[in-house]
Amino acid sequence: MSDLTHLDADGTARMVDVGAKPVTSRRAVARAVVRMTPQTAARVAAGDAPKGDVLGVARIAGIQAAKRTGELIPLCHPIGLDHIEVEGVIDAAAGTVTLTTTAAVTARTGVEMEAMTAAGVAALTVYDMVKGIDKGVEIASVVLLEKSGGRSGTWTRA
């Protein structure tokens, strides 16, 4: 259990004490992919979805979610983000909306959870905004693409 930092010696879940860690610049990038019919994706691209600007609303939802990650994930430290960005790319032919999020902070702990929460909630927002016209819409993935800063340095998904 020594490798599991959120467990104490007795195996009880705990919040990790980051007080002695140095403050460093940290950054994380995550991605979520939402699949739908090409017709639905074309409507999203054209701004013709019944609920309005799908990507605009998803962007704001992702930003709001990133700022609240410490409230949503029980053992996650609440941090003051320096930056959060949510970008959406529509491939109408493939029937996908790809949301890429970048979170940055200067702190004692990383921002992977903030980037992934932003991607996940942005994807859920896309789902919510198109479910009325596409019953088969699905969130295909939410993944961490890269992280940097802190003791473990830089990591990139292969």
N, C-alpha and C. Protein backbone atom coordinates (compact mmCIF):
# COMPACT_ATOMS: atom_id res chain seq x y z
N MET A 1 0.80 -1.20 0.00
CA MET A 1 0.00 0.00 0.00
C MET A 1 0.84 1.26 0.00
N SER A 2 2.14 1.15 0.17
CA SER A 2 2.98 2.35 0.26
C SER A 2 2.95 3.20 -1.00
N ASP A 3 2.65 2.60 -2.15
CA ASP A 3 2.58 3.36 -3.39
C ASP A 3 1.28 4.15 -3.52
N LEU A 4 0.29 3.82 -2.73
CA LEU A 4 -1.00 4.49 -2.79
C LEU A 4 -1.01 5.64 -1.79
N THR A 5 -0.73 6.83 -2.28
CA THR A 5 -0.53 7.98 -1.40
C THR A 5 -1.78 8.44 -0.68
N HIS A 6 -2.96 8.04 -1.15
CA HIS A 6 -4.20 8.46 -0.50
C HIS A 6 -4.66 7.47 0.58
N LEU A 7 -3.78 6.51 0.93
CA LEU A 7 -4.08 5.58 2.01
C LEU A 7 -3.04 5.73 3.10
N ASP A 8 -3.50 5.70 4.37
CA ASP A 8 -2.54 5.74 5.47
C ASP A 8 -2.03 4.33 5.75
N ALA A 9 -1.22 4.15 6.78
CA ALA A 9 -0.61 2.86 7.09
C ALA A 9 -1.65 1.78 7.36
N ASP A 10 -2.83 2.17 7.80
CA ASP A 10 -3.90 1.20 8.09
C ASP A 10 -4.82 0.96 6.90
N GLY A 11 -4.54 1.61 5.77
CA GLY A 11 -5.37 1.44 4.59
C GLY A 11 -6.59 2.34 4.54
N THR A 12 -6.61 3.35 5.41
CA THR A 12 -7.73 4.28 5.45
C THR A 12 -7.49 5.42 4.48
N ALA A 13 -8.54 5.79 3.73
CA ALA A 13 -8.41 6.90 2.78
C ALA A 13 -8.13 8.19 3.53
N ARG A 14 -7.24 9.00 2.95
CA ARG A 14 -6.87 10.27 3.57
C ARG A 14 -6.48 11.26 2.49
N MET A 15 -6.49 12.53 2.86
CA MET A 15 -6.00 13.56 1.95
C MET A 15 -4.49 13.67 2.16
N VAL A 16 -3.75 13.69 1.09
CA VAL A 16 -2.29 13.77 1.17
C VAL A 16 -1.89 15.15 1.68
N ASP A 17 -0.90 15.19 2.57
CA ASP A 17 -0.36 16.45 3.08
C ASP A 17 0.68 16.95 2.09
N VAL A 18 0.38 18.05 1.41
CA VAL A 18 1.31 18.61 0.42
C VAL A 18 2.04 19.83 0.97
N GLY A 19 1.86 20.11 2.25
CA GLY A 19 2.42 21.33 2.84
C GLY A 19 3.92 21.49 2.70
N ALA A 20 4.66 20.40 2.70
CA ALA A 20 6.12 20.49 2.62
C ALA A 20 6.64 20.45 1.18
N LYS A 21 5.75 20.23 0.22
CA LYS A 21 6.18 20.17 -1.18
C LYS A 21 6.49 21.58 -1.68
N PRO A 22 7.45 21.70 -2.60
CA PRO A 22 7.75 23.03 -3.15
C PRO A 22 6.66 23.49 -4.12
N VAL A 23 6.48 24.78 -4.17
CA VAL A 23 5.55 25.38 -5.12
C VAL A 23 6.24 25.41 -6.49
N THR A 24 5.61 24.81 -7.49
CA THR A 24 6.17 24.80 -8.85
C THR A 24 5.05 25.08 -9.85
N SER A 25 5.45 25.42 -11.06
CA SER A 25 4.49 25.59 -12.15
C SER A 25 4.07 24.21 -12.63
N ARG A 26 2.78 24.01 -12.74
CA ARG A 26 2.25 22.72 -13.14
C ARG A 26 1.22 22.92 -14.24
N ARG A 27 1.16 21.96 -15.13
CA ARG A 27 0.26 22.05 -16.28
C ARG A 27 -0.22 20.66 -16.62
N ALA A 28 -1.47 20.56 -17.07
CA ALA A 28 -2.03 19.28 -17.51
C ALA A 28 -2.95 19.52 -18.69
N VAL A 29 -2.97 18.53 -19.59
CA VAL A 29 -3.83 18.58 -20.77
C VAL A 29 -4.64 17.29 -20.80
N ALA A 30 -5.95 17.43 -21.00
CA ALA A 30 -6.84 16.27 -21.08
C ALA A 30 -7.71 16.38 -22.33
N ARG A 31 -8.32 15.25 -22.68
CA ARG A 31 -9.17 15.24 -23.87
C ARG A 31 -10.39 14.36 -23.62
N ALA A 32 -11.53 14.81 -24.12
CA ALA A 32 -12.75 13.99 -24.13
C ALA A 32 -13.27 13.95 -25.55
N VAL A 33 -13.78 12.80 -25.94
CA VAL A 33 -14.35 12.64 -27.28
C VAL A 33 -15.81 12.24 -27.14
N VAL A 34 -16.68 12.99 -27.81
CA VAL A 34 -18.11 12.70 -27.82
C VAL A 34 -18.47 12.25 -29.23
N ARG A 35 -19.11 11.07 -29.32
CA ARG A 35 -19.51 10.53 -30.62
C ARG A 35 -21.01 10.71 -30.82
N MET A 36 -21.38 11.02 -32.04
CA MET A 36 -22.78 11.23 -32.41
C MET A 36 -22.91 10.94 -33.89
N THR A 37 -24.10 11.06 -34.42
CA THR A 37 -24.24 10.86 -35.86
C THR A 37 -23.59 12.02 -36.59
N PRO A 38 -23.15 11.78 -37.82
CA PRO A 38 -22.60 12.89 -38.61
C PRO A 38 -23.61 14.03 -38.79
N GLN A 39 -24.88 13.70 -38.87
CA GLN A 39 -25.90 14.73 -39.03
C GLN A 39 -25.97 15.63 -37.78
N THR A 40 -25.88 15.02 -36.61
CA THR A 40 -25.89 15.80 -35.37
C THR A 40 -24.65 16.66 -35.28
N ALA A 41 -23.49 16.08 -35.60
CA ALA A 41 -22.25 16.86 -35.55
C ALA A 41 -22.30 18.03 -36.53
N ALA A 42 -22.92 17.82 -37.68
CA ALA A 42 -23.06 18.90 -38.66
C ALA A 42 -23.94 20.01 -38.10
N ARG A 43 -24.97 19.65 -37.35
CA ARG A 43 -25.83 20.67 -36.74
C ARG A 43 -25.08 21.43 -35.66
N VAL A 44 -24.25 20.73 -34.91
CA VAL A 44 -23.43 21.40 -33.89
C VAL A 44 -22.49 22.38 -34.59
N ALA A 45 -21.85 21.93 -35.65
CA ALA A 45 -20.91 22.79 -36.39
C ALA A 45 -21.60 24.01 -36.98
N ALA A 46 -22.83 23.84 -37.43
CA ALA A 46 -23.57 24.93 -38.05
C ALA A 46 -24.21 25.86 -37.01
N GLY A 47 -24.13 25.46 -35.74
CA GLY A 47 -24.79 26.25 -34.70
C GLY A 47 -26.29 26.10 -34.73
N ASP A 48 -26.76 24.97 -35.26
CA ASP A 48 -28.18 24.73 -35.47
C ASP A 48 -28.77 23.70 -34.50
N ALA A 49 -28.15 23.52 -33.35
CA ALA A 49 -28.69 22.59 -32.35
C ALA A 49 -29.84 23.28 -31.61
N PRO A 50 -30.88 22.52 -31.23
CA PRO A 50 -32.04 23.14 -30.58
C PRO A 50 -31.72 23.94 -29.32
N LYS A 51 -30.71 23.54 -28.59
CA LYS A 51 -30.37 24.25 -27.34
C LYS A 51 -29.36 25.37 -27.54
N GLY A 52 -28.93 25.61 -28.78
CA GLY A 52 -28.05 26.74 -29.04
C GLY A 52 -26.61 26.38 -29.28
N ASP A 53 -25.71 27.26 -28.84
CA ASP A 53 -24.27 27.17 -29.08
C ASP A 53 -23.64 26.07 -28.22
N VAL A 54 -23.59 24.88 -28.77
CA VAL A 54 -23.12 23.71 -28.02
C VAL A 54 -21.70 23.90 -27.51
N LEU A 55 -20.77 24.27 -28.38
CA LEU A 55 -19.37 24.40 -27.95
C LEU A 55 -19.19 25.56 -26.97
N GLY A 56 -19.88 26.65 -27.17
CA GLY A 56 -19.77 27.78 -26.25
C GLY A 56 -20.22 27.42 -24.85
N VAL A 57 -21.35 26.74 -24.75
CA VAL A 57 -21.86 26.33 -23.44
C VAL A 57 -20.94 25.28 -22.83
N ALA A 58 -20.45 24.33 -23.64
CA ALA A 58 -19.54 23.29 -23.13
C ALA A 58 -18.25 23.92 -22.61
N ARG A 59 -17.76 24.94 -23.30
CA ARG A 59 -16.53 25.62 -22.87
C ARG A 59 -16.73 26.24 -21.47
N ILE A 60 -17.82 26.96 -21.28
CA ILE A 60 -18.08 27.59 -19.99
C ILE A 60 -18.29 26.53 -18.91
N ALA A 61 -19.01 25.46 -19.23
CA ALA A 61 -19.23 24.38 -18.26
C ALA A 61 -17.91 23.75 -17.83
N GLY A 62 -17.01 23.53 -18.78
CA GLY A 62 -15.71 22.95 -18.46
C GLY A 62 -14.89 23.85 -17.56
N ILE A 63 -14.92 25.14 -17.85
CA ILE A 63 -14.18 26.10 -17.01
C ILE A 63 -14.75 26.12 -15.60
N GLN A 64 -16.08 26.17 -15.48
CA GLN A 64 -16.70 26.17 -14.15
C GLN A 64 -16.36 24.89 -13.39
N ALA A 65 -16.40 23.76 -14.07
CA ALA A 65 -16.12 22.48 -13.43
C ALA A 65 -14.68 22.41 -12.93
N ALA A 66 -13.74 22.88 -13.73
CA ALA A 66 -12.33 22.86 -13.32
C ALA A 66 -12.14 23.63 -12.02
N LYS A 67 -12.82 24.76 -11.91
CA LYS A 67 -12.68 25.60 -10.71
C LYS A 67 -13.29 24.94 -9.48
N ARG A 68 -14.16 23.95 -9.67
CA ARG A 68 -14.84 23.30 -8.55
C ARG A 68 -14.37 21.87 -8.31
N THR A 69 -13.29 21.48 -8.94
CA THR A 69 -12.82 20.09 -8.84
C THR A 69 -12.62 19.65 -7.40
N GLY A 70 -12.02 20.49 -6.57
CA GLY A 70 -11.79 20.14 -5.17
C GLY A 70 -13.07 19.88 -4.40
N GLU A 71 -14.19 20.40 -4.86
CA GLU A 71 -15.48 20.13 -4.23
C GLU A 71 -16.10 18.84 -4.74
N LEU A 72 -15.73 18.42 -5.94
CA LEU A 72 -16.33 17.25 -6.57
C LEU A 72 -15.59 15.95 -6.29
N ILE A 73 -14.28 16.00 -6.22
CA ILE A 73 -13.45 14.81 -6.01
C ILE A 73 -13.02 14.81 -4.54
N PRO A 74 -13.47 13.86 -3.75
CA PRO A 74 -13.32 13.94 -2.29
C PRO A 74 -11.91 14.18 -1.76
N LEU A 75 -10.88 13.57 -2.31
CA LEU A 75 -9.53 13.72 -1.75
C LEU A 75 -8.65 14.66 -2.57
N CYS A 76 -9.25 15.39 -3.48
CA CYS A 76 -8.53 16.33 -4.33
C CYS A 76 -8.39 17.67 -3.60
N HIS A 77 -7.19 18.24 -3.65
CA HIS A 77 -6.96 19.54 -3.01
C HIS A 77 -7.63 20.66 -3.79
N PRO A 78 -8.31 21.55 -3.10
CA PRO A 78 -8.83 22.73 -3.80
C PRO A 78 -7.66 23.66 -4.14
N ILE A 79 -7.58 24.08 -5.39
CA ILE A 79 -6.48 24.96 -5.79
C ILE A 79 -7.03 26.14 -6.57
N GLY A 80 -6.30 27.23 -6.51
CA GLY A 80 -6.65 28.41 -7.30
C GLY A 80 -5.97 28.32 -8.65
N LEU A 81 -6.72 28.02 -9.66
CA LEU A 81 -6.13 27.85 -11.00
C LEU A 81 -5.58 29.16 -11.53
N ASP A 82 -4.45 29.08 -12.22
CA ASP A 82 -3.90 30.23 -12.94
C ASP A 82 -4.55 30.35 -14.31
N HIS A 83 -4.91 29.19 -14.89
CA HIS A 83 -5.46 29.19 -16.24
C HIS A 83 -6.23 27.90 -16.49
N ILE A 84 -7.33 28.01 -17.20
CA ILE A 84 -8.03 26.84 -17.71
C ILE A 84 -8.56 27.19 -19.09
N GLU A 85 -8.32 26.31 -20.03
CA GLU A 85 -8.76 26.54 -21.41
C GLU A 85 -9.50 25.30 -21.89
N VAL A 86 -10.60 25.50 -22.58
CA VAL A 86 -11.38 24.40 -23.15
C VAL A 86 -11.57 24.70 -24.63
N GLU A 87 -11.06 23.81 -25.47
CA GLU A 87 -11.19 23.98 -26.92
C GLU A 87 -12.01 22.82 -27.48
N GLY A 88 -12.87 23.11 -28.43
CA GLY A 88 -13.67 22.08 -29.07
C GLY A 88 -13.44 22.03 -30.55
N VAL A 89 -13.33 20.83 -31.09
CA VAL A 89 -13.16 20.62 -32.53
C VAL A 89 -14.23 19.65 -32.98
N ILE A 90 -14.96 20.03 -34.01
CA ILE A 90 -16.03 19.21 -34.55
C ILE A 90 -15.55 18.58 -35.84
N ASP A 91 -15.71 17.26 -35.95
CA ASP A 91 -15.47 16.55 -37.20
C ASP A 91 -16.83 16.00 -37.62
N ALA A 92 -17.55 16.76 -38.42
CA ALA A 92 -18.91 16.38 -38.79
C ALA A 92 -18.94 15.05 -39.54
N ALA A 93 -17.99 14.83 -40.43
CA ALA A 93 -17.97 13.58 -41.20
C ALA A 93 -17.80 12.37 -40.29
N ALA A 94 -16.96 12.50 -39.29
CA ALA A 94 -16.72 11.39 -38.35
C ALA A 94 -17.77 11.34 -37.25
N GLY A 95 -18.53 12.41 -37.08
CA GLY A 95 -19.54 12.46 -36.02
C GLY A 95 -18.92 12.59 -34.64
N THR A 96 -17.89 13.43 -34.52
CA THR A 96 -17.24 13.60 -33.21
C THR A 96 -17.09 15.06 -32.84
N VAL A 97 -17.14 15.28 -31.55
CA VAL A 97 -16.73 16.55 -30.96
C VAL A 97 -15.60 16.19 -30.01
N THR A 98 -14.43 16.77 -30.23
CA THR A 98 -13.27 16.52 -29.39
C THR A 98 -13.01 17.76 -28.56
N LEU A 99 -12.98 17.58 -27.25
CA LEU A 99 -12.76 18.68 -26.31
C LEU A 99 -11.39 18.50 -25.68
N THR A 100 -10.54 19.49 -25.82
CA THR A 100 -9.19 19.44 -25.24
C THR A 100 -9.09 20.56 -24.21
N THR A 101 -8.65 20.19 -23.03
CA THR A 101 -8.57 21.15 -21.93
C THR A 101 -7.13 21.28 -21.45
N THR A 102 -6.76 22.48 -21.08
CA THR A 102 -5.44 22.74 -20.51
C THR A 102 -5.63 23.50 -19.21
N ALA A 103 -5.05 22.98 -18.15
CA ALA A 103 -5.12 23.63 -16.84
C ALA A 103 -3.70 23.93 -16.38
N ALA A 104 -3.53 25.08 -15.73
CA ALA A 104 -2.21 25.47 -15.22
C ALA A 104 -2.35 26.11 -13.86
N VAL A 105 -1.33 25.90 -13.04
CA VAL A 105 -1.31 26.46 -11.69
C VAL A 105 0.13 26.53 -11.21
N THR A 106 0.39 27.44 -10.32
CA THR A 106 1.65 27.46 -9.58
C THR A 106 1.27 27.08 -8.16
N ALA A 107 1.62 25.85 -7.78
CA ALA A 107 1.12 25.31 -6.50
C ALA A 107 1.97 24.13 -6.05
N ARG A 108 1.52 23.50 -4.96
CA ARG A 108 2.20 22.33 -4.38
C ARG A 108 1.64 21.01 -4.90
N THR A 109 0.59 21.08 -5.69
CA THR A 109 -0.03 19.87 -6.22
C THR A 109 -0.44 20.11 -7.66
N GLY A 110 -0.62 19.02 -8.39
CA GLY A 110 -0.87 19.11 -9.82
C GLY A 110 -2.29 19.46 -10.21
N VAL A 111 -2.51 19.58 -11.51
CA VAL A 111 -3.81 19.98 -12.04
C VAL A 111 -4.40 18.95 -13.00
N GLU A 112 -3.97 17.70 -12.89
CA GLU A 112 -4.51 16.66 -13.74
C GLU A 112 -6.02 16.51 -13.54
N MET A 113 -6.45 16.49 -12.30
CA MET A 113 -7.87 16.30 -12.02
C MET A 113 -8.70 17.47 -12.54
N GLU A 114 -8.15 18.67 -12.47
CA GLU A 114 -8.87 19.84 -12.98
C GLU A 114 -9.03 19.76 -14.50
N ALA A 115 -7.96 19.36 -15.18
CA ALA A 115 -8.03 19.23 -16.65
C ALA A 115 -9.01 18.13 -17.04
N MET A 116 -8.97 17.00 -16.34
CA MET A 116 -9.87 15.90 -16.68
C MET A 116 -11.32 16.21 -16.30
N THR A 117 -11.52 16.90 -15.18
CA THR A 117 -12.88 17.29 -14.80
C THR A 117 -13.46 18.25 -15.83
N ALA A 118 -12.65 19.21 -16.27
CA ALA A 118 -13.10 20.14 -17.30
C ALA A 118 -13.49 19.39 -18.57
N ALA A 119 -12.67 18.44 -18.99
CA ALA A 119 -12.97 17.68 -20.21
C ALA A 119 -14.24 16.85 -20.03
N GLY A 120 -14.37 16.20 -18.89
CA GLY A 120 -15.54 15.36 -18.64
C GLY A 120 -16.83 16.15 -18.58
N VAL A 121 -16.82 17.26 -17.89
CA VAL A 121 -18.04 18.06 -17.77
C VAL A 121 -18.36 18.76 -19.09
N ALA A 122 -17.36 19.19 -19.82
CA ALA A 122 -17.61 19.75 -21.15
C ALA A 122 -18.26 18.70 -22.04
N ALA A 123 -17.77 17.45 -21.97
CA ALA A 123 -18.35 16.37 -22.76
C ALA A 123 -19.78 16.07 -22.32
N LEU A 124 -20.04 16.06 -21.03
CA LEU A 124 -21.40 15.85 -20.54
C LEU A 124 -22.33 16.97 -21.01
N THR A 125 -21.80 18.17 -21.12
CA THR A 125 -22.60 19.30 -21.59
C THR A 125 -22.94 19.14 -23.06
N VAL A 126 -21.97 18.70 -23.86
CA VAL A 126 -22.27 18.42 -25.27
C VAL A 126 -23.37 17.36 -25.35
N TYR A 127 -23.20 16.30 -24.57
CA TYR A 127 -24.21 15.23 -24.53
C TYR A 127 -25.59 15.82 -24.21
N ASP A 128 -25.66 16.62 -23.16
CA ASP A 128 -26.94 17.21 -22.75
C ASP A 128 -27.55 18.07 -23.84
N MET A 129 -26.72 18.78 -24.55
CA MET A 129 -27.22 19.73 -25.54
C MET A 129 -27.68 19.08 -26.84
N VAL A 130 -27.25 17.82 -27.09
CA VAL A 130 -27.67 17.15 -28.33
C VAL A 130 -28.50 15.91 -28.11
N LYS A 131 -28.71 15.50 -26.88
CA LYS A 131 -29.44 14.25 -26.62
C LYS A 131 -30.86 14.27 -27.17
N GLY A 132 -31.45 15.45 -27.29
CA GLY A 132 -32.79 15.55 -27.82
C GLY A 132 -32.90 15.24 -29.30
N ILE A 133 -31.80 15.36 -30.02
CA ILE A 133 -31.82 15.09 -31.46
C ILE A 133 -31.03 13.83 -31.83
N ASP A 134 -30.33 13.25 -30.85
CA ASP A 134 -29.51 12.06 -31.12
C ASP A 134 -29.49 11.18 -29.88
N LYS A 135 -30.33 10.16 -29.89
CA LYS A 135 -30.43 9.26 -28.71
C LYS A 135 -29.19 8.39 -28.54
N GLY A 136 -28.37 8.26 -29.57
CA GLY A 136 -27.20 7.39 -29.51
C GLY A 136 -25.90 8.10 -29.17
N VAL A 137 -25.96 9.38 -28.82
CA VAL A 137 -24.73 10.11 -28.50
C VAL A 137 -24.02 9.43 -27.32
N GLU A 138 -22.69 9.42 -27.37
CA GLU A 138 -21.93 8.80 -26.27
C GLU A 138 -20.64 9.55 -26.01
N ILE A 139 -20.24 9.51 -24.76
CA ILE A 139 -18.91 10.02 -24.39
C ILE A 139 -17.98 8.83 -24.53
N ALA A 140 -17.10 8.90 -25.51
CA ALA A 140 -16.26 7.76 -25.86
C ALA A 140 -15.03 7.64 -24.97
N SER A 141 -14.49 8.78 -24.53
CA SER A 141 -13.29 8.72 -23.70
C SER A 141 -13.05 10.04 -22.99
N VAL A 142 -12.38 9.94 -21.86
CA VAL A 142 -11.83 11.09 -21.15
C VAL A 142 -10.45 10.63 -20.69
N VAL A 143 -9.40 11.28 -21.21
CA VAL A 143 -8.04 10.83 -20.90
C VAL A 143 -7.11 12.01 -20.61
N LEU A 144 -6.12 11.74 -19.79
CA LEU A 144 -5.04 12.70 -19.57
C LEU A 144 -4.04 12.52 -20.70
N LEU A 145 -3.69 13.61 -21.36
CA LEU A 145 -2.73 13.56 -22.46
C LEU A 145 -1.31 13.86 -22.02
N GLU A 146 -1.18 14.82 -21.10
CA GLU A 146 0.16 15.16 -20.61
C GLU A 146 0.06 15.93 -19.31
N LYS A 147 1.15 15.89 -18.57
CA LYS A 147 1.27 16.68 -17.35
C LYS A 147 2.72 17.08 -17.19
N SER A 148 2.93 18.21 -16.51
CA SER A 148 4.29 18.65 -16.25
C SER A 148 4.33 19.41 -14.94
N GLY A 149 5.52 19.46 -14.37
CA GLY A 149 5.73 20.16 -13.11
C GLY A 149 5.74 19.20 -11.93
N GLY A 150 6.27 19.66 -10.84
CA GLY A 150 6.31 18.83 -9.64
C GLY A 150 7.43 17.81 -9.66
N ARG A 151 7.43 16.99 -8.64
CA ARG A 151 8.49 16.01 -8.44
C ARG A 151 8.58 14.98 -9.56
N SER A 152 7.43 14.57 -10.10
CA SER A 152 7.45 13.51 -11.12
C SER A 152 7.77 14.02 -12.52
N GLY A 153 7.88 15.33 -12.68
CA GLY A 153 8.30 15.89 -13.96
C GLY A 153 7.25 15.82 -15.04
N THR A 154 7.70 15.57 -16.27
CA THR A 154 6.81 15.59 -17.41
C THR A 154 6.41 14.18 -17.80
N TRP A 155 5.13 14.02 -18.12
CA TRP A 155 4.59 12.75 -18.60
C TRP A 155 3.72 13.05 -19.80
N THR A 156 3.83 12.22 -20.84
CA THR A 156 3.00 12.36 -22.03
C THR A 156 2.45 10.99 -22.40
N ARG A 157 1.15 10.96 -22.74
CA ARG A 157 0.52 9.71 -23.19
C ARG A 157 1.19 9.29 -24.50
N ALA A 158 1.54 8.04 -24.56
CA ALA A 158 2.20 7.51 -25.76
C ALA A 158 1.25 7.34 -26.91
